[in-house]
């Protein structure tokens, strides 16, 4: 989960290889028109910012159902502050069922026809919002003359509890994704008033946000609304199955004290959120898990099973992962440094998703990397056996249908603790946003980190603008194929490597990947 802090202004003009044209900015608050009414934003340096722009009506009136567009308003709505996040456990900012708002960063309100970069936040479909300081779009705007959008949508049970088999709405297991579709429709209809091009929209997201990206590619209603995509550590290849999803929804209703759907619709939101903290009834650990659901309607298929959707083959896609994903979850163990050859198999067994004998995996890793410590092997094997397989499947299945796909691996290590954490899950967010100075960034602010941030940002900007991430800031980046498996390694030196970690890939390839909780 990414914790949401209050925003700090990222000052300064980033050195750009995709330069934005110089402009003189008015100091007065900008006012933009939307189909529903006018909104007043702010000026931050040389960027116009509109926070808390309504794209949907209060979802308290449409619980577990498709949201509706907002009613038009008179006067000028304030868009200077972030709006409430979706109801969620462990919230660190105000929440409300009235949460369908988005945020826009733009260079100008002219008819610029700029590429639009829409970011979907992470948090395992259960936490987060579009207001994290790491998601500030100002530096992307300055680098590439683009428009950046972040958004809030319904989460956890309110966005993904599948109630169709319990007599509820058919689409209830995907209303969070339908909220995103509503936001993308708002972008289509309104972004020209903010200097953006509705015919050049890219969606990108990290972790749960990346999972939403690839899920939207499998949703017929969503596909016409965007033209490029990028998933950052969003390893989902399957949605939740309807039987498992129904089991979870029923357990949650019981925990909330709702014997039927009528009662569920009338319970106060605080009671529903409290019930979301229950232990998952299928996995027996963690909070109850709600995610996109195969409902045979708005989501008629899994994102990458049995293959990549051919209907989305024309959409260019970046598939990204970090070299040491699991360090985010086993950080305390790595910092303690108390992993030994004796306890390594037991610890590894708790982290792997692929069902291989942990002692066999340890033995093979010691053969491959005889100089590595038990802690280093725990990190490498848990990543290769848990987080990496989903990314590989996405790239492989896209390659099989000839869809334009580029794969990257972040190797740049977090500088904390002498680098023992490596490049963990979420570390690429501040780099892609060119926000290494932002609150929550753990990349450090070294010249190497700043240079890498510019290179990753420029690649994403190029994808948004042209449908191809190649640009003059990085070496040539070939499309992924099954013969060579070219992968861009983002590190102090950016380079392409064919089939990186090949022996680790082959080690785990003998077992199927089954997403936990599906």
Protein backbone atom coordinates (compact mmCIF):
# COMPACT_ATOMS: atom_id res chain seq x y z
CA UNK A 1 0.00 0.00 0.00
CA UNK A 2 1.18 3.51 -0.74
CA UNK A 3 0.44 5.85 2.14
CA UNK A 4 -1.00 9.19 1.17
CA UNK A 5 0.67 12.28 2.58
CA UNK A 6 -0.12 15.94 2.05
CA UNK A 7 1.30 17.45 -1.04
CA UNK A 8 4.52 19.41 -1.12
CA UNK A 9 5.31 21.61 -4.07
CA UNK A 10 8.10 20.30 -6.27
CA UNK A 11 9.97 23.40 -7.28
CA UNK A 12 12.34 24.01 -10.13
CA UNK A 13 12.40 23.28 -13.82
CA UNK A 14 13.59 19.78 -14.69
CA UNK A 15 16.26 19.51 -17.34
CA UNK A 16 14.35 18.14 -20.29
CA UNK A 17 15.33 16.25 -23.38
CA UNK A 18 11.71 16.68 -24.48
CA UNK A 19 11.47 20.39 -23.85
CA UNK A 20 8.33 22.37 -23.18
CA UNK A 21 8.01 25.73 -24.95
CA UNK A 22 8.60 28.85 -22.87
CA UNK A 23 5.49 30.78 -21.86
CA UNK A 24 4.54 33.78 -19.79
CA UNK A 25 1.94 32.80 -17.20
CA UNK A 26 -0.81 34.98 -15.81
CA UNK A 27 -0.68 35.09 -12.03
CA UNK A 28 -4.46 35.12 -11.65
CA UNK A 29 -6.27 31.88 -10.90
CA UNK A 30 -7.14 30.09 -14.15
CA UNK A 31 -10.75 29.31 -15.00
CA UNK A 32 -11.64 26.43 -17.32
CA UNK A 33 -14.93 25.34 -18.83
CA UNK A 34 -16.29 21.81 -18.56
CA UNK A 35 -19.57 20.38 -19.86
CA UNK A 36 -20.95 20.65 -16.33
CA UNK A 37 -19.73 24.10 -15.32
CA UNK A 38 -16.68 26.26 -14.79
CA UNK A 39 -13.80 25.41 -12.43
CA UNK A 40 -11.15 27.65 -10.91
CA UNK A 41 -7.66 26.24 -10.40
CA UNK A 42 -4.28 27.56 -9.28
CA UNK A 43 -0.97 28.54 -10.83
CA UNK A 44 2.09 26.73 -9.46
CA UNK A 45 5.24 28.08 -11.02
CA UNK A 46 4.58 27.71 -14.73
CA UNK A 47 1.93 24.99 -14.46
CA UNK A 48 -1.85 25.36 -14.18
CA UNK A 49 -3.31 22.94 -11.64
CA UNK A 50 -6.95 21.96 -11.12
CA UNK A 51 -7.56 19.73 -8.09
CA UNK A 52 -10.82 18.10 -7.08
CA UNK A 53 -12.67 18.44 -10.40
CA UNK A 54 -15.90 16.47 -10.23
CA UNK A 55 -16.39 13.81 -12.92
CA UNK A 56 -19.18 11.79 -11.28
CA UNK A 57 -22.07 12.21 -8.88
CA UNK A 58 -22.03 11.14 -5.23
CA UNK A 59 -21.81 7.32 -5.20
CA UNK A 60 -23.81 7.10 -1.98
CA UNK A 61 -26.85 7.20 -4.28
CA UNK A 62 -25.50 4.43 -6.54
CA UNK A 63 -23.90 1.94 -4.14
CA UNK A 64 -22.62 -1.16 -5.95
CA UNK A 65 -24.00 0.21 -9.21
CA UNK A 66 -22.63 2.18 -12.13
CA UNK A 67 -22.00 5.81 -11.19
CA UNK A 68 -23.65 8.65 -13.08
CA UNK A 69 -22.35 11.92 -14.45
CA UNK A 70 -22.54 15.01 -12.24
CA UNK A 71 -25.34 17.52 -12.43
CA UNK A 72 -24.37 20.82 -14.08
CA UNK A 73 -23.60 23.65 -11.68
CA UNK A 74 -23.83 27.43 -11.88
CA UNK A 75 -21.08 29.80 -10.93
CA UNK A 76 -17.44 28.71 -10.67
CA UNK A 77 -16.52 25.59 -8.67
CA UNK A 78 -13.35 25.73 -6.60
CA UNK A 79 -10.65 23.39 -7.92
CA UNK A 80 -7.76 24.44 -5.71
CA UNK A 81 -7.73 21.51 -3.27
CA UNK A 82 -7.84 17.76 -3.43
CA UNK A 83 -11.23 16.17 -2.83
CA UNK A 84 -12.01 13.24 -0.56
CA UNK A 85 -10.54 9.83 -1.25
CA UNK A 86 -12.69 6.74 -1.55
CA UNK A 87 -13.74 4.99 1.70
CA UNK A 88 -10.96 2.61 2.79
CA UNK A 89 -9.33 1.09 5.83
CA UNK A 90 -6.31 2.79 7.38
CA UNK A 91 -7.06 6.04 5.57
CA UNK A 92 -4.62 8.89 6.10
CA UNK A 93 -6.75 11.58 4.43
CA UNK A 94 -10.45 12.49 4.42
CA UNK A 95 -12.70 9.93 2.72
CA UNK A 96 -16.27 9.95 1.45
CA UNK A 97 -18.59 8.03 -0.84
CA UNK A 98 -18.67 11.32 -2.73
CA UNK A 99 -15.22 10.64 -4.18
CA UNK A 100 -15.43 10.81 -7.98
CA UNK A 101 -12.97 13.63 -8.60
CA UNK A 102 -9.89 14.09 -10.73
CA UNK A 103 -6.86 16.38 -10.80
CA UNK A 104 -5.27 18.05 -13.84
CA UNK A 105 -1.85 19.58 -14.51
CA UNK A 106 -1.48 21.48 -17.78
CA UNK A 107 0.83 24.06 -19.35
CA UNK A 108 -2.06 26.14 -20.73
CA UNK A 109 -5.76 26.25 -21.52
CA UNK A 110 -5.16 26.87 -25.21
CA UNK A 111 -5.98 24.49 -28.06
CA UNK A 112 -2.60 22.80 -27.66
CA UNK A 113 -3.72 19.25 -28.55
CA UNK A 114 -1.21 17.87 -26.05
CA UNK A 115 -0.90 14.18 -25.17
CA UNK A 116 -2.84 13.27 -22.02
CA UNK A 117 -1.28 11.00 -19.38
CA UNK A 118 -3.91 9.52 -17.03
CA UNK A 119 -2.44 7.84 -13.94
CA UNK A 120 -4.27 5.12 -11.98
CA UNK A 121 -3.02 4.88 -8.40
CA UNK A 122 -1.90 1.71 -6.66
CA UNK A 123 -2.95 0.23 -3.36
CA UNK A 124 -4.18 -3.27 -4.21
CA UNK A 125 -7.64 -2.03 -5.35
CA UNK A 126 -8.26 -1.15 -1.69
CA UNK A 127 -6.19 1.88 -0.69
CA UNK A 128 -4.81 5.16 -1.98
CA UNK A 129 -5.97 8.11 -4.04
CA UNK A 130 -4.79 10.40 -6.80
CA UNK A 131 -3.34 12.96 -4.37
CA UNK A 132 -0.08 11.32 -3.31
CA UNK A 133 2.85 13.77 -3.59
CA UNK A 134 4.65 11.26 -5.81
CA UNK A 135 1.90 11.65 -8.42
CA UNK A 136 2.27 15.42 -8.82
CA UNK A 137 2.19 15.96 -12.57
CA UNK A 138 4.04 19.28 -12.65
CA UNK A 139 7.42 17.96 -13.69
CA UNK A 140 5.99 15.77 -16.46
CA UNK A 141 4.18 18.85 -17.79
CA UNK A 142 7.42 20.85 -17.71
CA UNK A 143 9.45 18.11 -19.37
CA UNK A 144 7.14 17.17 -22.17
CA UNK A 145 4.38 19.72 -22.78
CA UNK A 146 1.72 17.17 -21.80
CA UNK A 147 -1.45 17.17 -19.70
CA UNK A 148 -1.42 14.91 -16.61
CA UNK A 149 -4.53 13.57 -14.89
CA UNK A 150 -4.88 11.61 -11.65
CA UNK A 151 -8.18 10.44 -10.17
CA UNK A 152 -10.08 8.85 -7.31
CA UNK A 153 -12.53 5.99 -7.75
CA UNK A 154 -14.37 3.51 -5.54
CA UNK A 155 -12.13 0.93 -3.84
CA UNK A 156 -12.28 -2.34 -1.94
CA UNK A 157 -15.80 -3.64 -1.31
CA UNK A 158 -17.45 -0.43 -2.49
CA UNK A 159 -15.76 -0.77 -5.85
CA UNK A 160 -15.26 -4.51 -6.29
CA UNK A 161 -17.63 -6.57 -4.10
CA UNK A 162 -19.26 -9.00 -6.53
CA UNK A 163 -22.90 -9.25 -5.46
CA UNK A 164 -24.43 -10.58 -8.67
CA UNK A 165 -24.70 -14.17 -7.40
CA UNK A 166 -26.27 -12.86 -4.20
CA UNK A 167 -29.06 -11.01 -5.97
CA UNK A 168 -27.20 -7.74 -6.47
CA UNK A 169 -26.25 -5.70 -9.54
CA UNK A 170 -24.43 -7.62 -12.27
CA UNK A 171 -21.68 -5.02 -12.59
CA UNK A 172 -21.02 -4.67 -8.83
CA UNK A 173 -17.70 -6.53 -9.01
CA UNK A 174 -16.26 -3.89 -11.33
CA UNK A 175 -17.86 -0.56 -10.45
CA UNK A 176 -14.44 0.78 -9.46
CA UNK A 177 -13.30 0.16 -13.02
CA UNK A 178 -16.53 1.62 -14.35
CA UNK A 179 -15.69 4.76 -12.34
CA UNK A 180 -12.37 4.92 -14.22
CA UNK A 181 -14.25 4.54 -17.50
CA UNK A 182 -16.51 7.42 -16.46
CA UNK A 183 -13.38 9.50 -15.76
CA UNK A 184 -11.93 8.59 -19.17
CA UNK A 185 -15.22 9.61 -20.79
CA UNK A 186 -14.92 12.92 -18.93
CA UNK A 187 -11.39 13.27 -20.35
CA UNK A 188 -12.70 12.53 -23.84
CA UNK A 189 -15.39 15.20 -23.54
CA UNK A 190 -13.57 17.91 -21.59
CA UNK A 191 -9.78 17.66 -21.83
CA UNK A 192 -9.56 19.96 -24.88
CA UNK A 193 -10.64 22.79 -22.56
CA UNK A 194 -7.46 22.07 -20.55
CA UNK A 195 -5.12 22.01 -23.56
CA UNK A 196 -5.23 18.24 -24.07
CA UNK A 197 -5.87 15.97 -27.03
CA UNK A 198 -8.69 13.49 -26.50
CA UNK A 199 -7.35 11.43 -29.39
CA UNK A 200 -3.98 10.92 -27.69
CA UNK A 201 -4.72 9.52 -24.22
CA UNK A 202 -2.34 7.19 -22.38
CA UNK A 203 -3.24 5.35 -19.17
CA UNK A 204 -0.54 4.19 -16.79
CA UNK A 205 -0.45 2.86 -13.26
CA UNK A 206 1.67 1.10 -10.68
CA UNK A 207 0.86 -2.09 -8.72
CA UNK A 208 -2.92 -2.18 -8.31
CA UNK A 209 -3.05 0.73 -10.74
CA UNK A 210 -1.11 -1.29 -13.28
CA UNK A 211 -3.53 -4.18 -12.74
CA UNK A 212 -6.40 -1.79 -13.51
CA UNK A 213 -4.60 -0.73 -16.70
CA UNK A 214 -4.40 -4.26 -18.11
CA UNK A 215 -7.93 -5.02 -16.91
CA UNK A 216 -9.26 -2.00 -18.82
CA UNK A 217 -7.55 -3.40 -21.91
CA UNK A 218 -9.81 -6.45 -21.53
CA UNK A 219 -12.98 -4.35 -21.12
CA UNK A 220 -14.75 -3.53 -24.41
CA UNK A 221 -16.28 -0.35 -22.99
CA UNK A 222 -12.88 1.02 -21.97
CA UNK A 223 -10.69 0.28 -24.99
CA UNK A 224 -11.88 3.13 -27.26
CA UNK A 225 -11.06 5.69 -24.56
CA UNK A 226 -7.25 5.38 -24.57
CA UNK A 227 -4.53 4.91 -27.15
CA UNK A 228 -1.43 3.79 -25.21
CA UNK A 229 -0.83 2.13 -21.85
CA UNK A 230 1.86 1.25 -19.33
CA UNK A 231 1.73 -1.11 -16.36
CA UNK A 232 4.35 -0.69 -13.64
CA UNK A 233 4.60 -3.78 -11.41
CA UNK A 234 0.95 -4.54 -12.14
CA UNK A 235 1.42 -8.28 -12.40
CA UNK A 236 -2.24 -9.33 -12.61
CA UNK A 237 -2.95 -11.77 -15.42
CA UNK A 238 -6.32 -12.88 -14.07
CA UNK A 239 -9.25 -11.19 -12.41
CA UNK A 240 -11.07 -12.70 -9.45
CA UNK A 241 -13.27 -15.64 -10.40
CA UNK A 242 -16.99 -15.15 -9.72
CA UNK A 243 -17.26 -18.07 -7.27
CA UNK A 244 -14.39 -16.85 -5.09
CA UNK A 245 -15.60 -13.27 -5.43
CA UNK A 246 -19.08 -14.30 -4.26
CA UNK A 247 -17.59 -16.10 -1.25
CA UNK A 248 -15.76 -12.94 -0.25
CA UNK A 249 -18.78 -10.72 -0.77
CA UNK A 250 -20.92 -13.00 1.37
CA UNK A 251 -18.34 -13.14 4.16
CA UNK A 252 -18.05 -9.34 4.12
CA UNK A 253 -21.82 -8.90 4.31
CA UNK A 254 -21.94 -11.21 7.31
CA UNK A 255 -19.10 -9.34 9.00
CA UNK A 256 -20.91 -6.04 8.41
CA UNK A 257 -24.13 -7.44 9.90
CA UNK A 258 -26.11 -7.30 6.65
CA UNK A 259 -28.35 -10.35 6.16
CA UNK A 260 -29.51 -9.06 2.79
CA UNK A 261 -28.70 -6.48 0.14
CA UNK A 262 -31.38 -4.07 1.29
CA UNK A 263 -29.71 -3.87 4.68
CA UNK A 264 -26.26 -3.57 3.07
CA UNK A 265 -27.42 -0.56 1.08
CA UNK A 266 -28.70 1.17 4.20
CA UNK A 267 -25.74 0.59 6.53
CA UNK A 268 -23.56 3.61 7.31
CA UNK A 269 -20.33 3.66 5.34
CA UNK A 270 -18.28 3.50 8.55
CA UNK A 271 -19.78 0.09 9.32
CA UNK A 272 -18.95 -1.19 5.84
CA UNK A 273 -15.36 0.04 6.03
CA UNK A 274 -14.91 -1.54 9.45
CA UNK A 275 -15.95 -4.89 7.99
CA UNK A 276 -13.37 -4.52 5.20
CA UNK A 277 -10.64 -4.99 7.81
CA UNK A 278 -11.66 -8.63 8.35
CA UNK A 279 -9.23 -11.44 7.53
CA UNK A 280 -9.57 -12.74 4.00
CA UNK A 281 -11.78 -15.86 4.17
CA UNK A 282 -9.95 -17.68 1.37
CA UNK A 283 -6.32 -16.87 2.06
CA UNK A 284 -6.63 -16.80 5.85
CA UNK A 285 -4.40 -13.75 6.13
CA UNK A 286 -4.44 -10.05 5.40
CA UNK A 287 -7.51 -7.91 4.86
CA UNK A 288 -10.32 -9.30 2.78
CA UNK A 289 -9.34 -8.96 -0.86
CA UNK A 290 -11.57 -7.33 -3.46
CA UNK A 291 -10.42 -6.87 -7.02
CA UNK A 292 -11.71 -6.78 -10.60
CA UNK A 293 -14.09 -9.68 -11.19
CA UNK A 294 -14.78 -11.87 -14.19
CA UNK A 295 -18.49 -11.04 -14.40
CA UNK A 296 -19.17 -12.19 -18.00
CA UNK A 297 -20.47 -8.70 -18.74
CA UNK A 298 -18.43 -5.54 -18.37
CA UNK A 299 -15.37 -7.77 -17.84
CA UNK A 300 -16.01 -10.76 -20.13
CA UNK A 301 -12.53 -12.31 -19.91
CA UNK A 302 -9.34 -12.39 -17.84
CA UNK A 303 -6.69 -9.82 -18.83
CA UNK A 304 -4.13 -12.44 -19.96
CA UNK A 305 -5.83 -15.85 -19.76
CA UNK A 306 -6.01 -17.76 -22.01
CA UNK A 307 -4.07 -15.17 -24.00
CA UNK A 308 -3.69 -11.44 -24.49
CA UNK A 309 -6.88 -9.88 -25.87
CA UNK A 310 -6.51 -9.45 -29.63
CA UNK A 311 -9.00 -6.59 -29.48
CA UNK A 312 -6.34 -4.61 -27.60
CA UNK A 313 -3.42 -5.65 -29.81
CA UNK A 314 -3.32 -2.21 -31.46
CA UNK A 315 -2.72 -0.46 -28.13
CA UNK A 316 1.03 -0.01 -27.47
CA UNK A 317 1.98 -1.21 -23.99
CA UNK A 318 4.97 -0.83 -21.66
CA UNK A 319 5.30 -3.72 -19.18
CA UNK A 320 7.54 -2.73 -16.26
CA UNK A 321 8.83 -4.36 -13.11
CA UNK A 322 11.50 -3.77 -10.48
CA UNK A 323 14.44 -6.10 -9.93
CA UNK A 324 13.75 -6.59 -6.21
CA UNK A 325 9.97 -6.19 -5.89
CA UNK A 326 9.53 -8.10 -2.64
CA UNK A 327 11.95 -5.99 -0.62
CA UNK A 328 9.00 -3.71 0.11
CA UNK A 329 7.28 -6.53 2.03
CA UNK A 330 10.32 -8.18 3.64
CA UNK A 331 12.20 -4.98 4.41
CA UNK A 332 12.31 -5.66 8.17
CA UNK A 333 13.81 -9.10 7.57
CA UNK A 334 16.42 -7.70 5.19
CA UNK A 335 17.38 -4.93 7.58
CA UNK A 336 17.61 -7.38 10.49
CA UNK A 337 20.10 -9.46 8.53
CA UNK A 338 19.22 -12.62 10.45
CA UNK A 339 18.37 -14.89 7.50
CA UNK A 340 20.51 -18.01 7.64
CA UNK A 341 20.88 -21.10 5.46
CA UNK A 342 18.82 -22.94 8.06
CA UNK A 343 15.81 -20.59 8.15
CA UNK A 344 15.96 -19.48 4.51
CA UNK A 345 13.72 -22.27 3.08
CA UNK A 346 10.98 -21.58 5.63
CA UNK A 347 11.09 -17.85 5.01
CA UNK A 348 11.12 -18.30 1.25
CA UNK A 349 8.11 -20.64 1.36
CA UNK A 350 6.00 -17.83 2.85
CA UNK A 351 6.87 -15.45 0.02
CA UNK A 352 6.66 -17.56 -3.14
CA UNK A 353 3.50 -17.84 -5.21
CA UNK A 354 4.89 -20.45 -7.57
CA UNK A 355 4.64 -23.82 -5.85
CA UNK A 356 8.18 -25.19 -5.90
CA UNK A 357 10.00 -26.91 -3.05
CA UNK A 358 11.85 -24.11 -1.23
CA UNK A 359 14.89 -26.27 -0.42
CA UNK A 360 15.22 -27.09 -4.12
CA UNK A 361 14.97 -23.40 -5.03
CA UNK A 362 17.62 -22.48 -2.46
CA UNK A 363 19.93 -25.19 -3.71
CA UNK A 364 19.58 -24.01 -7.31
CA UNK A 365 20.17 -20.37 -6.36
CA UNK A 366 23.34 -21.31 -4.48
CA UNK A 367 24.56 -23.02 -7.65
CA UNK A 368 23.72 -19.97 -9.77
CA UNK A 369 25.05 -17.38 -7.31
CA UNK A 370 27.62 -19.01 -4.99
CA UNK A 371 28.76 -15.64 -3.61
CA UNK A 372 25.32 -14.47 -2.46
CA UNK A 373 24.24 -14.43 1.17
CA UNK A 374 21.04 -16.06 2.47
CA UNK A 375 19.36 -12.62 2.62
CA UNK A 376 20.30 -11.86 -0.97
CA UNK A 377 18.93 -15.19 -2.16
CA UNK A 378 15.72 -14.65 -0.16
CA UNK A 379 15.20 -11.35 -1.96
CA UNK A 380 16.01 -12.68 -5.43
CA UNK A 381 14.06 -15.94 -5.17
CA UNK A 382 10.99 -14.38 -3.53
CA UNK A 383 10.82 -11.78 -6.31
CA UNK A 384 11.27 -14.35 -9.09
CA UNK A 385 8.76 -16.70 -7.46
CA UNK A 386 6.14 -14.12 -6.58
CA UNK A 387 6.12 -10.82 -8.47
CA UNK A 388 8.08 -11.33 -11.66
CA UNK A 389 6.06 -14.16 -13.31
CA UNK A 390 2.99 -12.04 -13.97
CA UNK A 391 5.02 -9.42 -15.81
CA UNK A 392 6.66 -12.08 -17.94
CA UNK A 393 3.30 -13.59 -18.87
CA UNK A 394 1.98 -10.19 -19.97
CA UNK A 395 4.97 -9.53 -22.22
CA UNK A 396 5.03 -13.09 -23.57
CA UNK A 397 1.34 -13.21 -24.42
CA UNK A 398 1.50 -9.84 -26.14
CA UNK A 399 4.51 -11.01 -28.15
CA UNK A 400 2.59 -14.10 -29.28
CA UNK A 401 -0.04 -11.96 -30.99
CA UNK A 402 2.44 -9.44 -32.38
CA UNK A 403 1.19 -6.55 -30.22
CA UNK A 404 3.63 -3.64 -29.73
CA UNK A 405 5.11 -4.16 -26.28
CA UNK A 406 8.22 -2.89 -24.52
CA UNK A 407 9.51 -4.40 -21.27
CA UNK A 408 11.64 -2.69 -18.63
CA UNK A 409 13.28 -3.70 -15.39
CA UNK A 410 14.29 -1.12 -12.79
CA UNK A 411 17.71 -2.07 -11.39
CA UNK A 412 18.55 1.26 -9.73
CA UNK A 413 18.77 0.49 -5.98
CA UNK A 414 17.31 2.46 -3.11
CA UNK A 415 20.31 4.08 -1.41
CA UNK A 416 19.07 3.27 2.11
CA UNK A 417 20.73 0.64 4.29
CA UNK A 418 23.73 0.37 2.04
CA UNK A 419 21.63 -0.65 -0.93
CA UNK A 420 20.51 -4.01 0.51
CA UNK A 421 16.87 -3.30 -0.41
CA UNK A 422 17.66 -3.06 -4.11
CA UNK A 423 15.02 -1.75 -6.49
CA UNK A 424 11.84 -2.55 -4.60
CA UNK A 425 8.14 -2.36 -5.47
CA UNK A 426 7.06 1.33 -5.91
CA UNK A 427 10.59 2.70 -6.42
CA UNK A 428 9.87 3.49 -10.07
CA UNK A 429 6.98 5.87 -9.29
CA UNK A 430 9.05 8.98 -8.44
CA UNK A 431 11.35 8.21 -11.35
CA UNK A 432 8.57 8.02 -13.95
CA UNK A 433 7.02 11.23 -12.57
CA UNK A 434 10.47 12.91 -12.32
CA UNK A 435 9.63 13.55 -8.66
CA UNK A 436 12.71 12.32 -6.78
CA UNK A 437 12.41 15.38 -4.49
CA UNK A 438 8.81 14.65 -3.55
CA UNK A 439 7.60 13.52 -0.14
CA UNK A 440 7.71 9.72 -0.03
CA UNK A 441 10.38 9.24 -2.68
CA UNK A 442 13.11 6.80 -1.65
CA UNK A 443 15.32 7.08 -4.70
CA UNK A 444 17.61 9.69 -3.18
CA UNK A 445 18.42 12.92 -4.97
CA UNK A 446 21.84 12.08 -6.37
CA UNK A 447 22.79 13.22 -9.89
CA UNK A 448 22.35 9.60 -10.98
CA UNK A 449 18.79 9.46 -9.60
CA UNK A 450 17.88 12.75 -11.26
CA UNK A 451 19.31 11.67 -14.59
CA UNK A 452 17.48 8.34 -14.47
CA UNK A 453 14.22 10.06 -13.55
CA UNK A 454 14.51 12.20 -16.64
CA UNK A 455 15.17 9.19 -18.83
CA UNK A 456 12.20 7.20 -17.50
CA UNK A 457 9.90 10.22 -17.65
CA UNK A 458 10.94 10.94 -21.23
CA UNK A 459 10.21 7.33 -22.25
CA UNK A 460 6.69 7.52 -20.84
CA UNK A 461 6.12 10.94 -22.39
CA UNK A 462 7.27 9.58 -25.75
CA UNK A 463 4.83 6.67 -25.50
CA UNK A 464 2.02 9.11 -24.76
CA UNK A 465 2.96 11.36 -27.68
CA UNK A 466 3.86 8.84 -30.39
CA UNK A 467 2.85 5.36 -29.23
CA UNK A 468 6.53 4.40 -28.97
CA UNK A 469 8.77 5.00 -25.89
CA UNK A 470 11.92 5.50 -27.93
CA UNK A 471 13.44 8.96 -27.71
CA UNK A 472 16.88 10.53 -27.74
CA UNK A 473 17.32 10.28 -23.95
CA UNK A 474 17.68 6.47 -23.96
CA UNK A 475 19.32 3.77 -26.12
CA UNK A 476 17.20 2.10 -28.77
CA UNK A 477 14.46 0.06 -27.08
CA UNK A 478 13.32 -2.91 -29.18
CA UNK A 479 9.85 -4.36 -28.89
CA UNK A 480 9.64 -7.50 -26.79
CA UNK A 481 9.79 -10.81 -28.63
CA UNK A 482 10.11 -14.42 -27.54
CA UNK A 483 13.37 -15.07 -29.39
CA UNK A 484 15.55 -12.39 -27.77
CA UNK A 485 13.35 -11.06 -24.91
CA UNK A 486 14.93 -7.56 -25.05
CA UNK A 487 14.43 -5.66 -21.80
CA UNK A 488 15.42 -2.09 -20.98
CA UNK A 489 17.39 -2.02 -17.73
CA UNK A 490 16.92 1.33 -16.03
CA UNK A 491 19.96 1.85 -13.81
CA UNK A 492 22.88 4.23 -13.43
CA UNK A 493 23.69 3.14 -16.96
CA UNK A 494 20.57 2.58 -19.04
CA UNK A 495 20.94 -0.33 -21.44
CA UNK A 496 19.08 -3.15 -23.17
CA UNK A 497 19.72 -6.73 -22.06
CA UNK A 498 18.30 -9.79 -23.76
CA UNK A 499 16.55 -12.21 -21.41
CA UNK A 500 17.90 -10.85 -18.11
CA UNK A 501 17.90 -13.34 -15.21
CA UNK A 502 17.35 -16.12 -17.74
CA UNK A 503 18.28 -18.97 -15.38
CA UNK A 504 15.91 -17.66 -12.71
CA UNK A 505 13.13 -17.43 -15.27
CA UNK A 506 13.69 -21.02 -16.37
CA UNK A 507 13.88 -22.24 -12.77
CA UNK A 508 10.36 -21.01 -12.02
CA UNK A 509 8.92 -21.69 -15.48
CA UNK A 510 8.21 -25.33 -14.56
CA UNK A 511 5.33 -24.28 -12.27
CA UNK A 512 2.15 -22.39 -13.24
CA UNK A 513 1.50 -18.89 -11.98
CA UNK A 514 -1.74 -18.58 -10.05
CA UNK A 515 -2.52 -15.11 -8.76
CA UNK A 516 -3.27 -15.19 -5.01
CA UNK A 517 -6.90 -14.69 -4.19
CA UNK A 518 -8.22 -15.26 -7.69
